[in-house]
Amino acid sequence: MTLAINMNEFSPLITRIESILDRAEILLPARSGQPDWRAHAFRWRKPGFLQAVKHPHRSKLDDLLNIEQQKAALLQNTRQLVSGYTANNVLLSGSRGTGKSSLVKALLTAFADQGLRLIEVDRNDLMDLPEIVDPLYDRPERFIIFTDDLSFEANEPGYKALKAMLEGSIAATPDNMLIYATSNRRHLMPEYMQDNLDLKYIDREIHHGEAVEEKISLSERFGLWLSFHPFNQEQYLQAVFHWLARLNAPSADSEVIRTEALRWALERGSRSGRIAQQFARDWAGRKQSAE
């Protein structure tokens, strides 16, 4: 039996589908064959391409206070990278708001003219690392793959992808690329009391269980660990007055500023460079608008 199909009956449906597809293409970011390598910063975007960042966040090293030791270590490591020498992947961990991500962004300000490029990759896109890295092998620039606020839950696919890229894949990583990650967790994964139940004491040595060893193994693949700590009161106030000067805030009684700044930090339950900058922006804006 032959079934006759009248295509005219499907014409409105086909037209409707084509219209939907056209509108969907508009919503998707344009994908080119090659990234715009003239850019200094990139983001990894789905369905899979490096998008140039037209206006990267240019943090300044001079604005990052109370982290001089961490700053010096990261600058030296990055200087080795851009100079063509060996260097380490870096894990910046510790308290929130203390300058971890700002310090990485400030590297672009310091080294962009020497060929440094920054590629931001979201934690959820770490599975794409082999595809992200593939076009970098033959490039003359030096690249930092930057993942901010990194942490993993158990069995996340990005965990194994990052672990393999750091040191464990059959494919060699490019000599012109490093991975810099920031995290509030030293070992990048949640730590539970039950993980310690497998701990053993053998010949006066502590041997962790497999769960703990698995979590430690990822952070150990970063060759350089930098720890960031909460500010004490004087460090916080130092950052407050630094940002007020940077923002050209109107002059005021320093004791009044100290009192207001400490109240601001108390309300937020934290003393950090981020909180100091937020207070300074609020104070300067209110005083300037009142003049």
C-alpha atoms as a PDB file:
ATOM      1  CA  MET A   1       0.000   0.000   0.000  1.00  0.00           C
ATOM      2  CA  THR A   2       1.383   3.401  -0.943  1.00  0.00           C
ATOM      3  CA  LEU A   3       0.873   6.320   1.453  1.00  0.00           C
ATOM      4  CA  ALA A   4       0.595   9.632  -0.367  1.00  0.00           C
ATOM      5  CA  ILE A   5       1.989  12.621   1.551  1.00  0.00           C
ATOM      6  CA  ASN A   6       0.831  16.112   0.725  1.00  0.00           C
ATOM      7  CA  MET A   7       3.749  18.371   1.648  1.00  0.00           C
ATOM      8  CA  ASN A   8       1.520  21.407   1.416  1.00  0.00           C
ATOM      9  CA  GLU A   9      -0.197  20.255   4.588  1.00  0.00           C
ATOM     10  CA  PHE A  10       3.122  20.427   6.459  1.00  0.00           C
ATOM     11  CA  SER A  11       4.199  23.768   5.010  1.00  0.00           C
ATOM     12  CA  PRO A  12       2.824  25.901   7.904  1.00  0.00           C
ATOM     13  CA  LEU A  13       4.514  23.600  10.443  1.00  0.00           C
ATOM     14  CA  ILE A  14       7.855  23.750   8.616  1.00  0.00           C
ATOM     15  CA  THR A  15       7.632  27.531   8.426  1.00  0.00           C
ATOM     16  CA  ARG A  16       6.877  27.688  12.133  1.00  0.00           C
ATOM     17  CA  ILE A  17       9.870  25.475  13.021  1.00  0.00           C
ATOM     18  CA  GLU A  18      12.198  27.560  10.840  1.00  0.00           C
ATOM     19  CA  SER A  19      10.977  30.722  12.575  1.00  0.00           C
ATOM     20  CA  ILE A  20      11.670  29.237  16.022  1.00  0.00           C
ATOM     21  CA  LEU A  21      15.167  28.154  14.971  1.00  0.00           C
ATOM     22  CA  ASP A  22      15.944  31.620  13.603  1.00  0.00           C
ATOM     23  CA  ARG A  23      14.966  33.236  16.885  1.00  0.00           C
ATOM     24  CA  ALA A  24      16.966  30.686  18.881  1.00  0.00           C
ATOM     25  CA  GLU A  25      20.102  31.450  16.843  1.00  0.00           C
ATOM     26  CA  ILE A  26      19.763  35.131  17.731  1.00  0.00           C
ATOM     27  CA  LEU A  27      19.792  34.290  21.435  1.00  0.00           C
ATOM     28  CA  LEU A  28      22.919  32.145  21.155  1.00  0.00           C
ATOM     29  CA  PRO A  29      26.331  33.898  21.183  1.00  0.00           C
ATOM     30  CA  ALA A  30      28.056  33.996  17.836  1.00  0.00           C
ATOM     31  CA  ARG A  31      30.743  31.383  17.355  1.00  0.00           C
ATOM     32  CA  SER A  32      33.710  32.000  15.142  1.00  0.00           C
ATOM     33  CA  GLY A  33      36.273  29.540  13.937  1.00  0.00           C
ATOM     34  CA  GLN A  34      39.114  31.169  15.895  1.00  0.00           C
ATOM     35  CA  PRO A  35      39.099  33.351  19.010  1.00  0.00           C
ATOM     36  CA  ASP A  36      40.127  36.967  18.698  1.00  0.00           C
ATOM     37  CA  TRP A  37      43.672  36.434  19.939  1.00  0.00           C
ATOM     38  CA  ARG A  38      44.207  40.203  20.157  1.00  0.00           C
ATOM     39  CA  ALA A  39      42.130  40.186  23.363  1.00  0.00           C
ATOM     40  CA  HIS A  40      43.792  39.927  26.758  1.00  0.00           C
ATOM     41  CA  ALA A  41      41.018  37.960  28.488  1.00  0.00           C
ATOM     42  CA  PHE A  42      38.569  35.247  27.439  1.00  0.00           C
ATOM     43  CA  ARG A  43      35.601  33.315  28.796  1.00  0.00           C
ATOM     44  CA  TRP A  44      34.736  29.747  27.866  1.00  0.00           C
ATOM     45  CA  ARG A  45      31.193  29.724  26.508  1.00  0.00           C
ATOM     46  CA  LYS A  46      28.803  27.014  25.475  1.00  0.00           C
ATOM     47  CA  PRO A  47      28.402  25.354  22.993  1.00  0.00           C
ATOM     48  CA  GLY A  48      32.184  25.480  23.091  1.00  0.00           C
ATOM     49  CA  PHE A  49      34.273  28.522  22.158  1.00  0.00           C
ATOM     50  CA  LEU A  50      36.529  31.169  23.665  1.00  0.00           C
ATOM     51  CA  GLN A  51      34.731  34.494  23.858  1.00  0.00           C
ATOM     52  CA  ALA A  52      36.945  37.591  24.006  1.00  0.00           C
ATOM     53  CA  VAL A  53      36.251  39.853  26.983  1.00  0.00           C
ATOM     54  CA  LYS A  54      36.121  43.399  25.667  1.00  0.00           C
ATOM     55  CA  HIS A  55      36.354  45.096  29.052  1.00  0.00           C
ATOM     56  CA  PRO A  56      38.296  42.913  31.511  1.00  0.00           C
ATOM     57  CA  HIS A  57      38.305  43.757  35.199  1.00  0.00           C
ATOM     58  CA  ARG A  58      41.674  45.413  35.778  1.00  0.00           C
ATOM     59  CA  SER A  59      42.499  45.064  39.454  1.00  0.00           C
ATOM     60  CA  LYS A  60      45.623  46.858  40.659  1.00  0.00           C
ATOM     61  CA  LEU A  61      48.268  45.237  42.818  1.00  0.00           C
ATOM     62  CA  ASP A  62      48.633  48.391  44.926  1.00  0.00           C
ATOM     63  CA  ASP A  63      44.983  48.097  45.996  1.00  0.00           C
ATOM     64  CA  LEU A  64      45.499  44.652  47.521  1.00  0.00           C
ATOM     65  CA  LEU A  65      46.634  45.152  51.081  1.00  0.00           C
ATOM     66  CA  ASN A  66      47.806  42.811  53.842  1.00  0.00           C
ATOM     67  CA  ILE A  67      48.701  39.983  51.442  1.00  0.00           C
ATOM     68  CA  GLU A  68      52.264  40.969  50.573  1.00  0.00           C
ATOM     69  CA  GLN A  69      53.711  37.478  50.972  1.00  0.00           C
ATOM     70  CA  GLN A  70      51.023  35.880  48.797  1.00  0.00           C
ATOM     71  CA  LYS A  71      51.364  38.662  46.259  1.00  0.00           C
ATOM     72  CA  ALA A  72      55.141  38.221  45.975  1.00  0.00           C
ATOM     73  CA  ALA A  73      54.876  34.444  45.545  1.00  0.00           C
ATOM     74  CA  LEU A  74      52.216  34.679  42.830  1.00  0.00           C
ATOM     75  CA  LEU A  75      54.073  37.422  40.982  1.00  0.00           C
ATOM     76  CA  GLN A  76      57.254  35.357  40.938  1.00  0.00           C
ATOM     77  CA  ASN A  77      55.433  32.250  39.704  1.00  0.00           C
ATOM     78  CA  THR A  78      53.699  34.227  36.952  1.00  0.00           C
ATOM     79  CA  ARG A  79      56.902  36.007  36.006  1.00  0.00           C
ATOM     80  CA  GLN A  80      58.483  32.596  35.411  1.00  0.00           C
ATOM     81  CA  LEU A  81      55.545  31.632  33.178  1.00  0.00           C
ATOM     82  CA  VAL A  82      55.689  34.720  30.964  1.00  0.00           C
ATOM     83  CA  SER A  83      59.489  34.466  30.753  1.00  0.00           C
ATOM     84  CA  GLY A  84      59.286  30.908  29.426  1.00  0.00           C
ATOM     85  CA  TYR A  85      60.571  29.175  32.552  1.00  0.00           C
ATOM     86  CA  THR A  86      58.915  26.388  34.487  1.00  0.00           C
ATOM     87  CA  ALA A  87      56.279  27.353  37.047  1.00  0.00           C
ATOM     88  CA  ASN A  88      53.496  25.778  39.091  1.00  0.00           C
ATOM     89  CA  ASN A  89      49.743  25.596  39.022  1.00  0.00           C
ATOM     90  CA  VAL A  90      48.394  27.621  41.942  1.00  0.00           C
ATOM     91  CA  LEU A  91      45.638  27.115  44.510  1.00  0.00           C
ATOM     92  CA  LEU A  92      44.642  30.274  46.381  1.00  0.00           C
ATOM     93  CA  SER A  93      42.512  29.281  49.355  1.00  0.00           C
ATOM     94  CA  GLY A  94      41.154  30.891  52.473  1.00  0.00           C
ATOM     95  CA  SER A  95      38.731  33.451  53.807  1.00  0.00           C
ATOM     96  CA  ARG A  96      36.261  35.165  51.530  1.00  0.00           C
ATOM     97  CA  GLY A  97      36.889  38.749  50.473  1.00  0.00           C
ATOM     98  CA  THR A  98      40.618  38.721  51.202  1.00  0.00           C
ATOM     99  CA  GLY A  99      41.765  39.323  47.628  1.00  0.00           C
ATOM    100  CA  LYS A 100      42.214  35.877  46.064  1.00  0.00           C
ATOM    101  CA  SER A 101      40.398  36.483  42.771  1.00  0.00           C
ATOM    102  CA  SER A 102      41.402  40.168  42.656  1.00  0.00           C
ATOM    103  CA  LEU A 103      45.048  39.130  42.868  1.00  0.00           C
ATOM    104  CA  VAL A 104      44.693  36.824  39.858  1.00  0.00           C
ATOM    105  CA  LYS A 105      42.937  39.560  37.868  1.00  0.00           C
ATOM    106  CA  ALA A 106      45.679  42.017  38.801  1.00  0.00           C
ATOM    107  CA  LEU A 107      48.213  39.745  37.088  1.00  0.00           C
ATOM    108  CA  LEU A 108      46.650  40.703  33.770  1.00  0.00           C
ATOM    109  CA  THR A 109      47.305  44.374  34.519  1.00  0.00           C
ATOM    110  CA  ALA A 110      50.912  43.572  35.407  1.00  0.00           C
ATOM    111  CA  PHE A 111      51.812  41.127  32.629  1.00  0.00           C
ATOM    112  CA  ALA A 112      49.446  41.615  29.665  1.00  0.00           C
ATOM    113  CA  ASP A 113      52.081  43.604  27.785  1.00  0.00           C
ATOM    114  CA  GLN A 114      54.435  40.633  28.186  1.00  0.00           C
ATOM    115  CA  GLY A 115      51.995  38.246  26.527  1.00  0.00           C
ATOM    116  CA  LEU A 116      49.939  36.997  29.475  1.00  0.00           C
ATOM    117  CA  ARG A 117      46.324  36.056  28.721  1.00  0.00           C
ATOM    118  CA  LEU A 118      43.563  35.053  31.139  1.00  0.00           C
ATOM    119  CA  ILE A 119      40.900  32.431  30.347  1.00  0.00           C
ATOM    120  CA  GLU A 120      38.021  32.214  32.826  1.00  0.00           C
ATOM    121  CA  VAL A 121      36.352  28.812  33.086  1.00  0.00           C
ATOM    122  CA  ASP A 122      33.318  28.141  35.231  1.00  0.00           C
ATOM    123  CA  ARG A 123      33.463  25.147  37.551  1.00  0.00           C
ATOM    124  CA  ASN A 124      30.595  23.529  35.642  1.00  0.00           C
ATOM    125  CA  ASP A 125      32.589  23.718  32.406  1.00  0.00           C
ATOM    126  CA  LEU A 126      35.747  21.992  33.638  1.00  0.00           C
ATOM    127  CA  MET A 127      34.738  18.883  31.703  1.00  0.00           C
ATOM    128  CA  ASP A 128      35.640  20.905  28.599  1.00  0.00           C
ATOM    129  CA  LEU A 129      39.241  21.491  29.679  1.00  0.00           C
ATOM    130  CA  PRO A 130      40.795  19.310  26.931  1.00  0.00           C
ATOM    131  CA  GLU A 131      38.849  21.251  24.302  1.00  0.00           C
ATOM    132  CA  ILE A 132      39.709  24.585  25.923  1.00  0.00           C
ATOM    133  CA  VAL A 133      43.418  23.825  26.051  1.00  0.00           C
ATOM    134  CA  ASP A 134      43.745  22.303  22.576  1.00  0.00           C
ATOM    135  CA  PRO A 135      44.190  25.587  20.607  1.00  0.00           C
ATOM    136  CA  LEU A 136      46.750  26.927  23.100  1.00  0.00           C
ATOM    137  CA  TYR A 137      49.628  24.582  22.263  1.00  0.00           C
ATOM    138  CA  ASP A 138      50.880  26.521  19.244  1.00  0.00           C
ATOM    139  CA  ARG A 139      50.163  30.039  20.509  1.00  0.00           C
ATOM    140  CA  PRO A 140      53.050  32.392  21.418  1.00  0.00           C
ATOM    141  CA  GLU A 141      51.125  33.911  24.343  1.00  0.00           C
ATOM    142  CA  ARG A 142      51.167  32.612  27.924  1.00  0.00           C
ATOM    143  CA  PHE A 143      47.836  31.556  29.390  1.00  0.00           C
ATOM    144  CA  ILE A 144      46.339  31.251  32.848  1.00  0.00           C
ATOM    145  CA  ILE A 145      43.206  29.122  33.081  1.00  0.00           C
ATOM    146  CA  PHE A 146      41.336  30.827  35.911  1.00  0.00           C
ATOM    147  CA  THR A 147      38.587  29.121  37.927  1.00  0.00           C
ATOM    148  CA  ASP A 148      37.064  31.195  40.699  1.00  0.00           C
ATOM    149  CA  ASP A 149      35.398  29.953  43.891  1.00  0.00           C
ATOM    150  CA  LEU A 150      36.205  26.335  43.104  1.00  0.00           C
ATOM    151  CA  SER A 151      34.750  23.486  45.125  1.00  0.00           C
ATOM    152  CA  PHE A 152      33.368  20.062  44.340  1.00  0.00           C
ATOM    153  CA  GLU A 153      30.764  17.753  45.698  1.00  0.00           C
ATOM    154  CA  ALA A 154      31.349  14.021  45.583  1.00  0.00           C
ATOM    155  CA  ASN A 155      31.388  12.405  42.123  1.00  0.00           C
ATOM    156  CA  GLU A 156      31.188  15.673  40.167  1.00  0.00           C
ATOM    157  CA  PRO A 157      32.505  15.094  36.617  1.00  0.00           C
ATOM    158  CA  GLY A 158      34.577  18.293  36.599  1.00  0.00           C
ATOM    159  CA  TYR A 159      36.631  16.956  39.506  1.00  0.00           C
ATOM    160  CA  LYS A 160      38.217  14.191  37.441  1.00  0.00           C
ATOM    161  CA  ALA A 161      38.706  16.477  34.433  1.00  0.00           C
ATOM    162  CA  LEU A 162      40.640  18.993  36.512  1.00  0.00           C
ATOM    163  CA  LYS A 163      42.627  16.264  38.216  1.00  0.00           C
ATOM    164  CA  ALA A 164      43.666  14.794  34.867  1.00  0.00           C
ATOM    165  CA  MET A 165      44.605  18.193  33.450  1.00  0.00           C
ATOM    166  CA  LEU A 166      46.765  19.070  36.441  1.00  0.00           C
ATOM    167  CA  GLU A 167      48.844  15.869  36.242  1.00  0.00           C
ATOM    168  CA  GLY A 168      47.405  12.607  35.210  1.00  0.00           C
ATOM    169  CA  SER A 169      46.233  12.574  31.610  1.00  0.00           C
ATOM    170  CA  ILE A 170      47.926  10.784  28.739  1.00  0.00           C
ATOM    171  CA  ALA A 171      48.072  14.159  26.947  1.00  0.00           C
ATOM    172  CA  ALA A 172      50.798  16.573  28.066  1.00  0.00           C
ATOM    173  CA  THR A 173      49.651  20.010  29.182  1.00  0.00           C
ATOM    174  CA  PRO A 174      50.907  22.994  27.142  1.00  0.00           C
ATOM    175  CA  ASP A 175      54.153  24.553  28.334  1.00  0.00           C
ATOM    176  CA  ASN A 176      52.577  28.010  27.949  1.00  0.00           C
ATOM    177  CA  MET A 177      49.645  27.404  30.292  1.00  0.00           C
ATOM    178  CA  LEU A 178      48.963  27.155  34.022  1.00  0.00           C
ATOM    179  CA  ILE A 179      45.822  26.714  36.104  1.00  0.00           C
ATOM    180  CA  TYR A 180      45.088  29.188  38.900  1.00  0.00           C
ATOM    181  CA  ALA A 181      42.102  28.368  41.127  1.00  0.00           C
ATOM    182  CA  THR A 182      40.596  30.149  44.107  1.00  0.00           C
ATOM    183  CA  SER A 183      38.590  28.378  46.781  1.00  0.00           C
ATOM    184  CA  ASN A 184      37.283  28.812  50.307  1.00  0.00           C
ATOM    185  CA  ARG A 185      38.209  25.135  50.888  1.00  0.00           C
ATOM    186  CA  ARG A 186      41.808  24.033  51.230  1.00  0.00           C
ATOM    187  CA  HIS A 187      41.116  20.624  49.702  1.00  0.00           C
ATOM    188  CA  LEU A 188      38.380  21.800  47.296  1.00  0.00           C
ATOM    189  CA  MET A 189      35.845  19.261  48.556  1.00  0.00           C
ATOM    190  CA  PRO A 190      33.598  19.091  51.634  1.00  0.00           C
ATOM    191  CA  GLU A 191      35.111  17.267  54.594  1.00  0.00           C
ATOM    192  CA  TYR A 192      32.857  15.194  56.814  1.00  0.00           C
ATOM    193  CA  MET A 193      33.391  13.633  60.214  1.00  0.00           C
ATOM    194  CA  GLN A 194      32.706  10.188  58.758  1.00  0.00           C
ATOM    195  CA  ASP A 195      35.741  10.552  56.481  1.00  0.00           C
ATOM    196  CA  ASN A 196      37.969  10.214  59.541  1.00  0.00           C
ATOM    197  CA  LEU A 197      36.449   6.927  60.655  1.00  0.00           C
ATOM    198  CA  ASP A 198      38.854   5.058  58.365  1.00  0.00           C
ATOM    199  CA  LEU A 199      41.933   6.717  59.879  1.00  0.00           C
ATOM    200  CA  LYS A 200      44.572   4.207  61.009  1.00  0.00           C
ATOM    201  CA  TYR A 201      47.542   4.494  63.357  1.00  0.00           C
ATOM    202  CA  ILE A 202      50.394   2.274  62.154  1.00  0.00           C
ATOM    203  CA  ASP A 203      53.927   2.368  63.526  1.00  0.00           C
ATOM    204  CA  ARG A 204      53.349   5.804  65.067  1.00  0.00           C
ATOM    205  CA  GLU A 205      52.208   7.165  61.706  1.00  0.00           C
ATOM    206  CA  ILE A 206      48.725   8.404  60.811  1.00  0.00           C
ATOM    207  CA  HIS A 207      47.270   6.872  57.656  1.00  0.00           C
ATOM    208  CA  HIS A 208      44.152   8.518  56.298  1.00  0.00           C
ATOM    209  CA  GLY A 209      41.302   6.524  54.802  1.00  0.00           C
ATOM    210  CA  GLU A 210      40.619   6.454  51.062  1.00  0.00           C
ATOM    211  CA  ALA A 211      37.972   9.186  51.238  1.00  0.00           C
ATOM    212  CA  VAL A 212      40.398  11.670  52.775  1.00  0.00           C
ATOM    213  CA  GLU A 213      43.260  10.650  50.493  1.00  0.00           C
ATOM    214  CA  GLU A 214      41.059  11.202  47.437  1.00  0.00           C
ATOM    215  CA  LYS A 215      40.222  14.726  48.550  1.00  0.00           C
ATOM    216  CA  ILE A 216      43.803  15.620  49.406  1.00  0.00           C
ATOM    217  CA  SER A 217      45.108  14.238  46.116  1.00  0.00           C
ATOM    218  CA  LEU A 218      43.461  16.970  44.046  1.00  0.00           C
ATOM    219  CA  SER A 219      44.818  19.926  46.014  1.00  0.00           C
ATOM    220  CA  GLU A 220      48.272  18.313  46.081  1.00  0.00           C
ATOM    221  CA  ARG A 221      48.404  18.513  42.299  1.00  0.00           C
ATOM    222  CA  PHE A 222      48.688  22.284  42.622  1.00  0.00           C
ATOM    223  CA  GLY A 223      52.393  22.952  43.068  1.00  0.00           C
ATOM    224  CA  LEU A 224      51.921  26.272  44.858  1.00  0.00           C
ATOM    225  CA  TRP A 225      49.479  26.788  47.746  1.00  0.00           C
ATOM    226  CA  LEU A 226      48.717  30.314  48.933  1.00  0.00           C
ATOM    227  CA  SER A 227      46.607  30.800  52.060  1.00  0.00           C
ATOM    228  CA  PHE A 228      44.563  33.937  52.784  1.00  0.00           C
ATOM    229  CA  HIS A 229      43.413  34.862  56.281  1.00  0.00           C
ATOM    230  CA  PRO A 230      40.787  37.201  57.764  1.00  0.00           C
ATOM    231  CA  PHE A 231      41.867  40.777  58.484  1.00  0.00           C
ATOM    232  CA  ASN A 232      42.285  41.948  62.013  1.00  0.00           C
ATOM    233  CA  GLN A 233      40.717  45.257  62.985  1.00  0.00           C
ATOM    234  CA  GLU A 234      43.692  47.450  62.130  1.00  0.00           C
ATOM    235  CA  GLN A 235      44.226  45.743  58.776  1.00  0.00           C
ATOM    236  CA  TYR A 236      40.564  46.263  57.950  1.00  0.00           C
ATOM    237  CA  LEU A 237      40.707  49.961  58.870  1.00  0.00           C
ATOM    238  CA  GLN A 238      43.895  50.367  56.858  1.00  0.00           C
ATOM    239  CA  ALA A 239      42.019  49.034  53.818  1.00  0.00           C
ATOM    240  CA  VAL A 240      39.090  51.369  54.545  1.00  0.00           C
ATOM    241  CA  PHE A 241      41.262  54.502  54.529  1.00  0.00           C
ATOM    242  CA  HIS A 242      43.122  53.266  51.450  1.00  0.00           C
ATOM    243  CA  TRP A 243      39.891  52.970  49.475  1.00  0.00           C
ATOM    244  CA  LEU A 244      38.556  56.289  50.734  1.00  0.00           C
ATOM    245  CA  ALA A 245      41.695  57.955  49.392  1.00  0.00           C
ATOM    246  CA  ARG A 246      41.443  56.011  46.134  1.00  0.00           C
ATOM    247  CA  LEU A 247      37.813  57.162  45.695  1.00  0.00           C
ATOM    248  CA  ASN A 248      38.637  60.790  46.547  1.00  0.00           C
ATOM    249  CA  ALA A 249      36.172  60.795  49.423  1.00  0.00           C
ATOM    250  CA  PRO A 250      35.615  64.138  51.142  1.00  0.00           C
ATOM    251  CA  SER A 251      37.696  64.614  54.275  1.00  0.00           C
ATOM    252  CA  ALA A 252      36.044  63.778  57.586  1.00  0.00           C
ATOM    253  CA  ASP A 253      36.915  63.090  61.189  1.00  0.00           C
ATOM    254  CA  SER A 254      38.935  59.872  61.260  1.00  0.00           C
ATOM    255  CA  GLU A 255      37.288  58.676  64.493  1.00  0.00           C
ATOM    256  CA  VAL A 256      33.862  59.028  62.916  1.00  0.00           C
ATOM    257  CA  ILE A 257      35.027  57.019  59.931  1.00  0.00           C
ATOM    258  CA  ARG A 258      36.529  54.337  62.179  1.00  0.00           C
ATOM    259  CA  THR A 259      33.291  54.002  64.133  1.00  0.00           C
ATOM    260  CA  GLU A 260      31.141  53.803  61.019  1.00  0.00           C
ATOM    261  CA  ALA A 261      33.513  51.372  59.299  1.00  0.00           C
ATOM    262  CA  LEU A 262      33.581  49.032  62.289  1.00  0.00           C
ATOM    263  CA  ARG A 263      29.794  49.116  62.540  1.00  0.00           C
ATOM    264  CA  TRP A 264      29.583  48.294  58.817  1.00  0.00           C
ATOM    265  CA  ALA A 265      31.859  45.260  59.291  1.00  0.00           C
ATOM    266  CA  LEU A 266      29.967  44.122  62.385  1.00  0.00           C
ATOM    267  CA  GLU A 267      26.671  44.132  60.496  1.00  0.00           C
ATOM    268  CA  ARG A 268      28.190  41.917  57.818  1.00  0.00           C
ATOM    269  CA  GLY A 269      29.993  39.623  60.207  1.00  0.00           C
ATOM    270  CA  SER A 270      33.309  39.987  58.410  1.00  0.00           C
ATOM    271  CA  ARG A 271      36.419  42.170  58.174  1.00  0.00           C
ATOM    272  CA  SER A 272      38.062  41.928  54.769  1.00  0.00           C
ATOM    273  CA  GLY A 273      39.315  43.975  51.868  1.00  0.00           C
ATOM    274  CA  ARG A 274      36.014  43.468  50.082  1.00  0.00           C
ATOM    275  CA  ILE A 275      33.996  44.751  53.036  1.00  0.00           C
ATOM    276  CA  ALA A 276      36.372  47.706  53.367  1.00  0.00           C
ATOM    277  CA  GLN A 277      35.914  48.629  49.715  1.00  0.00           C
ATOM    278  CA  GLN A 278      32.137  48.333  49.980  1.00  0.00           C
ATOM    279  CA  PHE A 279      32.087  50.644  53.007  1.00  0.00           C
ATOM    280  CA  ALA A 280      34.342  53.164  51.251  1.00  0.00           C
ATOM    281  CA  ARG A 281      32.117  53.201  48.171  1.00  0.00           C
ATOM    282  CA  ASP A 282      29.044  53.791  50.318  1.00  0.00           C
ATOM    283  CA  TRP A 283      30.695  56.485  52.451  1.00  0.00           C
ATOM    284  CA  ALA A 284      32.285  58.338  49.514  1.00  0.00           C
ATOM    285  CA  GLY A 285      29.085  58.214  47.474  1.00  0.00           C
ATOM    286  CA  ARG A 286      26.917  59.557  50.294  1.00  0.00           C
ATOM    287  CA  LYS A 287      29.326  62.350  51.189  1.00  0.00           C
ATOM    288  CA  GLN A 288      29.899  63.389  47.584  1.00  0.00           C
ATOM    289  CA  SER A 289      26.188  63.432  46.790  1.00  0.00           C
ATOM    290  CA  ALA A 290      25.520  65.599  49.865  1.00  0.00           C
ATOM    291  CA  GLU A 291      27.951  68.326  48.796  1.00  0.00           C
END
